[in-house]
Amino acid sequence: MASLWEILDVTNLTYDYDHPAAFNKADSRYGPPSLWYGWARTGGFSGGANIAGQGNCNVWSSSSVTDYGVAVRLTNTWESPPNEIANWWDATSFSCNTLAPVWCVGEFYNVNLPLIIKP
C-alpha cells in the first residue's frame, strides 16, 4: 500500500494499466482513473480518527466500524473542492470495515536478467 507522499506527484509515476487488478475508465487511457478512491498510508502515528490524513485503521490492523482510515482519489473536478490536496488529490475518511482498493507503488520496470556464462 502506498503512502500518499509516494504517489502525490503523479508526473513521476507510470500507471500499470495492464496489471490484472488495475482499474481503468473510458478516458483514463494509460494513466490512473479519476474519481476512484483507494486506501493510502498516512505516514503518521497509529490512529483511528475520522479525520482525512490522520486515521489509518490503527496502522491498518483494524476492521472496526468505529475506526477510520484515509482514502484518496484523483479529483475529476478541476476547480477547488473542499478537502482538496495539491489541487488534484481529494481525501476522505472511510470506516475501517469498508472494502476498498489500495493505491500501490513499485518498481515494475526494473528487470534483472540472470547472468549466463558460456564455456
Protein backbone atom coordinates (compact mmCIF):
# COMPACT_ATOMS: atom_id res chain seq x y z
CA MET A 1 0.00 0.00 0.00
CA ALA A 2 1.43 3.37 -1.00
CA SER A 3 1.80 6.35 1.25
CA LEU A 4 0.18 9.48 -0.16
CA TRP A 5 3.66 11.02 -0.18
CA GLU A 6 4.83 8.33 -2.63
CA ILE A 7 2.05 9.00 -5.15
CA LEU A 8 1.39 12.71 -4.56
CA ASP A 9 3.33 13.85 -7.64
CA VAL A 10 1.77 11.79 -10.42
CA THR A 11 4.15 13.25 -13.03
CA ASN A 12 6.90 10.95 -11.73
CA LEU A 13 4.77 7.81 -11.92
CA THR A 14 3.71 5.38 -14.62
CA TYR A 15 0.33 3.77 -14.07
CA ASP A 16 0.41 -0.01 -14.52
CA TYR A 17 -2.78 -0.08 -16.61
CA ASP A 18 -2.07 -3.62 -17.90
CA HIS A 19 -1.98 -5.17 -14.42
CA PRO A 20 -4.97 -7.50 -13.85
CA ALA A 21 -6.01 -5.54 -10.74
CA ALA A 22 -5.64 -2.11 -12.38
CA PHE A 23 -8.78 -0.02 -12.62
CA ASN A 24 -9.34 1.99 -15.78
CA LYS A 25 -12.05 4.31 -17.05
CA ALA A 26 -13.07 5.18 -20.59
CA ASP A 27 -10.88 8.30 -20.72
CA SER A 28 -8.01 7.25 -18.42
CA ARG A 29 -6.08 5.64 -21.32
CA TYR A 30 -2.61 4.82 -19.89
CA GLY A 31 -2.98 6.90 -16.74
CA PRO A 32 -4.74 6.39 -13.42
CA PRO A 33 -8.51 6.88 -13.22
CA SER A 34 -10.03 9.92 -11.56
CA LEU A 35 -12.94 9.90 -9.12
CA TRP A 36 -11.93 6.49 -7.73
CA TYR A 37 -10.99 6.11 -4.06
CA GLY A 38 -8.21 3.83 -2.83
CA TRP A 39 -6.74 3.39 0.65
CA ALA A 40 -3.41 5.16 1.20
CA ARG A 41 -0.97 5.21 4.09
CA THR A 42 -0.69 8.43 6.10
CA GLY A 43 2.97 8.18 7.07
CA GLY A 44 1.92 9.08 10.63
CA PHE A 45 1.33 7.53 14.02
CA SER A 46 -1.19 4.75 14.66
CA GLY A 47 -4.74 6.08 14.89
CA GLY A 48 -8.36 5.61 14.01
CA ALA A 49 -9.57 9.23 13.91
CA ASN A 50 -12.30 10.21 11.48
CA ILE A 51 -10.01 12.88 10.01
CA ALA A 52 -8.60 12.50 6.50
CA GLY A 53 -4.82 12.26 6.80
CA GLN A 54 -4.81 11.16 10.44
CA GLY A 55 -6.81 7.93 10.62
CA ASN A 56 -5.03 4.81 9.41
CA CYS A 57 -7.18 2.00 10.84
CA ASN A 58 -4.62 1.74 13.67
CA VAL A 59 -1.80 1.10 11.20
CA TRP A 60 -4.13 -1.00 9.05
CA SER A 61 -4.73 -3.61 11.77
CA SER A 62 -8.38 -2.70 12.49
CA SER A 63 -11.53 -3.58 10.58
CA SER A 64 -13.80 -1.94 13.16
CA VAL A 65 -16.68 0.29 12.14
CA THR A 66 -15.56 2.77 14.84
CA ASP A 67 -12.04 3.21 13.44
CA TYR A 68 -11.23 5.17 10.30
CA GLY A 69 -8.59 5.29 7.60
CA VAL A 70 -7.83 7.64 4.74
CA ALA A 71 -8.73 7.03 1.12
CA VAL A 72 -7.64 9.33 -1.69
CA ARG A 73 -8.61 9.84 -5.30
CA LEU A 74 -7.59 11.99 -8.20
CA THR A 75 -10.35 14.54 -8.47
CA ASN A 76 -12.31 14.95 -11.67
CA THR A 77 -13.34 18.47 -10.68
CA TRP A 78 -10.61 20.82 -11.79
CA GLU A 79 -11.75 23.62 -9.54
CA SER A 80 -11.27 23.94 -5.77
CA PRO A 81 -13.47 21.46 -3.89
CA PRO A 82 -13.16 21.10 -0.10
CA ASN A 83 -10.57 18.61 1.18
CA GLU A 84 -8.50 19.06 -1.96
CA ILE A 85 -4.82 18.20 -1.71
CA ALA A 86 -2.25 19.78 -4.02
CA ASN A 87 -5.00 20.73 -6.49
CA TRP A 88 -5.54 17.19 -7.79
CA TRP A 89 -5.90 14.78 -4.86
CA ASP A 90 -9.13 14.55 -2.85
CA ALA A 91 -9.06 12.85 0.57
CA THR A 92 -11.76 11.41 2.80
CA SER A 93 -12.13 9.11 5.80
CA PHE A 94 -13.79 5.72 5.50
CA SER A 95 -14.71 3.33 8.27
CA CYS A 96 -12.16 0.51 8.53
CA ASN A 97 -14.83 -2.08 7.74
CA THR A 98 -15.20 -0.57 4.23
CA LEU A 99 -13.93 -2.74 1.40
CA ALA A 100 -11.91 -0.61 -0.99
CA PRO A 101 -8.91 -0.98 -3.30
CA VAL A 102 -5.49 0.37 -2.37
CA TRP A 103 -3.03 2.60 -4.17
CA CYS A 104 0.20 0.67 -4.67
CA VAL A 105 3.65 1.63 -5.88
CA GLY A 106 6.56 -0.48 -7.01
CA GLU A 107 9.47 -0.70 -9.39
CA PHE A 108 7.75 -2.59 -12.19
CA TYR A 109 10.20 -1.60 -14.93
CA ASN A 110 13.30 -2.77 -13.11
CA VAL A 111 14.19 -6.03 -14.88
CA ASN A 112 17.01 -8.20 -13.57
CA LEU A 113 18.24 -10.81 -16.03
CA PRO A 114 20.22 -13.85 -14.91
CA LEU A 115 23.88 -13.96 -15.77
CA ILE A 116 24.66 -16.77 -18.22
CA ILE A 117 28.27 -17.71 -18.82
CA LYS A 118 29.13 -19.63 -21.98
CA PRO A 119 32.02 -22.12 -21.78
